[in-house]
Amino acid sequence: MTDALLRRVAALATLSPAMLRDEWLRVLKSEPPRLTPDLMRLAIAFRLQERQLGAVSARMRRELRTSSSQRVAAPMKPGTRLLRSWNGRSIEVIVTECGFQHDGRAYRSLSQIAREVTGTAWSGPRFFGLNDGAR
């Protein structure tokens, strides 16, 4: 990135929400959606970088979609214990050779356990704090 682009992206951190909405209109040429200021900064910075450095090709977007759907969390050693508190209840999961064990039952994925515990669809690795949630 050029120094000018770096300065421009860094300056986004100093803008108020109203100023960010104005910058959104100027850079993205559309009405700003209802987003948090942090998300607006990220979207504006992405567009600025995309203009200078070029957009991701359609082929690369397809590859990224395919690889992200196949992304696997870092392997855990059998015997590893995962602990999570949920609604006042302690959730304990043991990593096994073939998957996971929770409450005496075998599971193939952490997401199955998270779904059973919460009653809603969750990313298992995210529920158990194994990634930052950015994926």
C-alpha atoms as a PDB file:
ATOM      1  CA  MET A   1       0.000   0.000   0.000  1.00  0.00           C
ATOM      2  CA  THR A   2       1.100   3.518  -0.605  1.00  0.00           C
ATOM      3  CA  ASP A   3       1.695   5.974   2.213  1.00  0.00           C
ATOM      4  CA  ALA A   4      -1.286   8.012   1.056  1.00  0.00           C
ATOM      5  CA  LEU A   5      -3.601   5.010   1.259  1.00  0.00           C
ATOM      6  CA  LEU A   6      -2.225   4.050   4.664  1.00  0.00           C
ATOM      7  CA  ARG A   7      -2.857   7.583   5.954  1.00  0.00           C
ATOM      8  CA  ARG A   8      -6.356   7.620   4.480  1.00  0.00           C
ATOM      9  CA  VAL A   9      -7.276   4.278   6.055  1.00  0.00           C
ATOM     10  CA  ALA A  10      -5.750   5.326   9.407  1.00  0.00           C
ATOM     11  CA  ALA A  11      -7.770   8.557   9.305  1.00  0.00           C
ATOM     12  CA  LEU A  12     -10.991   6.540   9.287  1.00  0.00           C
ATOM     13  CA  ALA A  13     -10.389   5.768  12.974  1.00  0.00           C
ATOM     14  CA  THR A  14     -10.780   9.451  13.810  1.00  0.00           C
ATOM     15  CA  LEU A  15     -14.130   9.943  12.068  1.00  0.00           C
ATOM     16  CA  SER A  16     -17.385  10.292  13.983  1.00  0.00           C
ATOM     17  CA  PRO A  17     -20.352   8.125  12.970  1.00  0.00           C
ATOM     18  CA  ALA A  18     -21.859  11.043  11.011  1.00  0.00           C
ATOM     19  CA  MET A  19     -18.560  11.645   9.224  1.00  0.00           C
ATOM     20  CA  LEU A  20     -18.321   7.925   8.456  1.00  0.00           C
ATOM     21  CA  ARG A  21     -21.755   8.001   6.839  1.00  0.00           C
ATOM     22  CA  ASP A  22     -20.607  10.925   4.675  1.00  0.00           C
ATOM     23  CA  GLU A  23     -17.413   9.049   3.769  1.00  0.00           C
ATOM     24  CA  TRP A  24     -19.483   5.973   2.923  1.00  0.00           C
ATOM     25  CA  LEU A  25     -21.574   8.014   0.496  1.00  0.00           C
ATOM     26  CA  ARG A  26     -18.443   9.476  -1.092  1.00  0.00           C
ATOM     27  CA  VAL A  27     -16.472   6.230  -1.371  1.00  0.00           C
ATOM     28  CA  LEU A  28     -19.141   3.583  -1.914  1.00  0.00           C
ATOM     29  CA  LYS A  29     -21.614   5.829  -3.715  1.00  0.00           C
ATOM     30  CA  SER A  30     -24.639   4.419  -1.898  1.00  0.00           C
ATOM     31  CA  GLU A  31     -26.682   5.138   1.194  1.00  0.00           C
ATOM     32  CA  PRO A  32     -24.882   3.725   4.231  1.00  0.00           C
ATOM     33  CA  PRO A  33     -26.596   0.753   5.851  1.00  0.00           C
ATOM     34  CA  ARG A  34     -27.180   0.619   9.583  1.00  0.00           C
ATOM     35  CA  LEU A  35     -23.788  -0.674  10.669  1.00  0.00           C
ATOM     36  CA  THR A  36     -21.586  -0.056  13.657  1.00  0.00           C
ATOM     37  CA  PRO A  37     -18.858   2.535  13.109  1.00  0.00           C
ATOM     38  CA  ASP A  38     -16.226  -0.231  13.238  1.00  0.00           C
ATOM     39  CA  LEU A  39     -17.906  -2.166  10.423  1.00  0.00           C
ATOM     40  CA  MET A  40     -18.305   0.992   8.380  1.00  0.00           C
ATOM     41  CA  ARG A  41     -14.582   1.720   8.785  1.00  0.00           C
ATOM     42  CA  LEU A  42     -13.705  -1.791   7.637  1.00  0.00           C
ATOM     43  CA  ALA A  43     -15.972  -1.618   4.589  1.00  0.00           C
ATOM     44  CA  ILE A  44     -14.694   1.804   3.548  1.00  0.00           C
ATOM     45  CA  ALA A  45     -11.075   0.734   4.049  1.00  0.00           C
ATOM     46  CA  PHE A  46     -11.706  -2.408   2.008  1.00  0.00           C
ATOM     47  CA  ARG A  47     -13.138  -0.389  -0.885  1.00  0.00           C
ATOM     48  CA  LEU A  48     -10.265   2.106  -0.781  1.00  0.00           C
ATOM     49  CA  GLN A  49      -7.730  -0.727  -0.886  1.00  0.00           C
ATOM     50  CA  GLU A  50      -9.679  -2.514  -3.597  1.00  0.00           C
ATOM     51  CA  ARG A  51      -9.591   0.594  -5.774  1.00  0.00           C
ATOM     52  CA  GLN A  52      -5.850   1.005  -5.412  1.00  0.00           C
ATOM     53  CA  LEU A  53      -4.725  -2.607  -5.342  1.00  0.00           C
ATOM     54  CA  GLY A  54      -7.425  -4.220  -7.467  1.00  0.00           C
ATOM     55  CA  ALA A  55     -10.428  -6.348  -6.672  1.00  0.00           C
ATOM     56  CA  VAL A  56     -10.362 -10.042  -5.926  1.00  0.00           C
ATOM     57  CA  SER A  57     -11.161 -11.966  -9.110  1.00  0.00           C
ATOM     58  CA  ALA A  58     -14.333 -14.010  -9.421  1.00  0.00           C
ATOM     59  CA  ARG A  59     -12.193 -17.143  -9.643  1.00  0.00           C
ATOM     60  CA  MET A  60     -10.394 -16.291  -6.392  1.00  0.00           C
ATOM     61  CA  ARG A  61     -13.717 -15.531  -4.646  1.00  0.00           C
ATOM     62  CA  ARG A  62     -14.973 -18.990  -5.656  1.00  0.00           C
ATOM     63  CA  GLU A  63     -11.767 -20.601  -4.392  1.00  0.00           C
ATOM     64  CA  LEU A  64     -12.004 -18.721  -1.101  1.00  0.00           C
ATOM     65  CA  ARG A  65     -15.638 -19.757  -0.644  1.00  0.00           C
ATOM     66  CA  THR A  66     -14.749 -23.391  -1.344  1.00  0.00           C
ATOM     67  CA  SER A  67     -11.703 -23.437   0.902  1.00  0.00           C
ATOM     68  CA  SER A  68     -13.458 -21.608   3.752  1.00  0.00           C
ATOM     69  CA  SER A  69     -16.285 -24.131   3.730  1.00  0.00           C
ATOM     70  CA  GLN A  70     -13.685 -26.881   4.018  1.00  0.00           C
ATOM     71  CA  ARG A  71     -11.566 -25.130   6.653  1.00  0.00           C
ATOM     72  CA  VAL A  72     -10.922 -27.320   9.653  1.00  0.00           C
ATOM     73  CA  ALA A  73      -9.903 -26.128  13.090  1.00  0.00           C
ATOM     74  CA  ALA A  74      -6.421 -27.022  14.235  1.00  0.00           C
ATOM     75  CA  PRO A  75      -6.344 -30.654  15.325  1.00  0.00           C
ATOM     76  CA  MET A  76      -6.647 -31.322  19.020  1.00  0.00           C
ATOM     77  CA  LYS A  77      -5.030 -34.223  20.809  1.00  0.00           C
ATOM     78  CA  PRO A  78      -7.298 -36.934  22.156  1.00  0.00           C
ATOM     79  CA  GLY A  79      -7.860 -36.390  25.857  1.00  0.00           C
ATOM     80  CA  THR A  80      -8.027 -32.601  25.535  1.00  0.00           C
ATOM     81  CA  ARG A  81     -10.808 -31.167  27.727  1.00  0.00           C
ATOM     82  CA  LEU A  82     -12.882 -28.235  26.554  1.00  0.00           C
ATOM     83  CA  LEU A  83     -14.864 -26.344  29.162  1.00  0.00           C
ATOM     84  CA  ARG A  84     -17.571 -23.769  28.649  1.00  0.00           C
ATOM     85  CA  SER A  85     -20.102 -22.196  30.950  1.00  0.00           C
ATOM     86  CA  TRP A  86     -23.527 -21.748  29.398  1.00  0.00           C
ATOM     87  CA  ASN A  87     -26.525 -20.305  31.256  1.00  0.00           C
ATOM     88  CA  GLY A  88     -25.049 -21.277  34.610  1.00  0.00           C
ATOM     89  CA  ARG A  89     -24.234 -24.801  33.466  1.00  0.00           C
ATOM     90  CA  SER A  90     -20.715 -26.196  32.963  1.00  0.00           C
ATOM     91  CA  ILE A  91     -20.243 -27.889  29.607  1.00  0.00           C
ATOM     92  CA  GLU A  92     -17.350 -30.345  29.404  1.00  0.00           C
ATOM     93  CA  VAL A  93     -16.223 -31.977  26.177  1.00  0.00           C
ATOM     94  CA  ILE A  94     -13.433 -34.519  25.794  1.00  0.00           C
ATOM     95  CA  VAL A  95     -11.614 -34.830  22.459  1.00  0.00           C
ATOM     96  CA  THR A  96     -11.472 -38.478  21.345  1.00  0.00           C
ATOM     97  CA  GLU A  97      -9.740 -40.288  18.472  1.00  0.00           C
ATOM     98  CA  CYS A  98     -12.960 -40.180  16.437  1.00  0.00           C
ATOM     99  CA  GLY A  99     -14.497 -36.886  17.524  1.00  0.00           C
ATOM    100  CA  PHE A 100     -15.829 -35.660  20.840  1.00  0.00           C
ATOM    101  CA  GLN A 101     -17.584 -36.922  23.946  1.00  0.00           C
ATOM    102  CA  HIS A 102     -20.108 -34.958  25.975  1.00  0.00           C
ATOM    103  CA  ASP A 103     -22.397 -36.259  28.731  1.00  0.00           C
ATOM    104  CA  GLY A 104     -21.376 -39.831  27.924  1.00  0.00           C
ATOM    105  CA  ARG A 105     -22.343 -39.572  24.233  1.00  0.00           C
ATOM    106  CA  ALA A 106     -20.105 -39.520  21.167  1.00  0.00           C
ATOM    107  CA  TYR A 107     -20.312 -36.661  18.650  1.00  0.00           C
ATOM    108  CA  ARG A 108     -18.589 -36.101  15.325  1.00  0.00           C
ATOM    109  CA  SER A 109     -18.425 -32.325  15.675  1.00  0.00           C
ATOM    110  CA  LEU A 110     -18.351 -29.580  18.245  1.00  0.00           C
ATOM    111  CA  SER A 111     -21.187 -27.886  16.380  1.00  0.00           C
ATOM    112  CA  GLN A 112     -23.480 -30.821  17.156  1.00  0.00           C
ATOM    113  CA  ILE A 113     -22.707 -30.405  20.845  1.00  0.00           C
ATOM    114  CA  ALA A 114     -23.162 -26.625  20.739  1.00  0.00           C
ATOM    115  CA  ARG A 115     -26.512 -27.075  18.992  1.00  0.00           C
ATOM    116  CA  GLU A 116     -27.676 -29.587  21.601  1.00  0.00           C
ATOM    117  CA  VAL A 117     -26.555 -27.393  24.502  1.00  0.00           C
ATOM    118  CA  THR A 118     -28.008 -24.117  23.191  1.00  0.00           C
ATOM    119  CA  GLY A 119     -30.930 -25.308  21.086  1.00  0.00           C
ATOM    120  CA  THR A 120     -29.741 -23.148  18.183  1.00  0.00           C
ATOM    121  CA  ALA A 121     -27.204 -23.460  15.383  1.00  0.00           C
ATOM    122  CA  TRP A 122     -23.722 -22.436  16.516  1.00  0.00           C
ATOM    123  CA  SER A 123     -20.238 -22.833  15.151  1.00  0.00           C
ATOM    124  CA  GLY A 124     -18.818 -25.374  17.590  1.00  0.00           C
ATOM    125  CA  PRO A 125     -15.256 -23.988  17.501  1.00  0.00           C
ATOM    126  CA  ARG A 126     -16.635 -20.507  18.096  1.00  0.00           C
ATOM    127  CA  PHE A 127     -18.927 -21.654  20.902  1.00  0.00           C
ATOM    128  CA  PHE A 128     -15.986 -23.279  22.681  1.00  0.00           C
ATOM    129  CA  GLY A 129     -13.687 -20.301  22.066  1.00  0.00           C
ATOM    130  CA  LEU A 130     -11.307 -22.083  19.693  1.00  0.00           C
ATOM    131  CA  ASN A 131     -11.239 -19.304  17.132  1.00  0.00           C
ATOM    132  CA  ASP A 132     -11.690 -15.567  17.167  1.00  0.00           C
ATOM    133  CA  GLY A 133     -15.094 -15.667  15.371  1.00  0.00           C
ATOM    134  CA  ALA A 134     -13.811 -13.637  12.446  1.00  0.00           C
ATOM    135  CA  ARG A 135     -14.454 -16.592  10.055  1.00  0.00           C
END
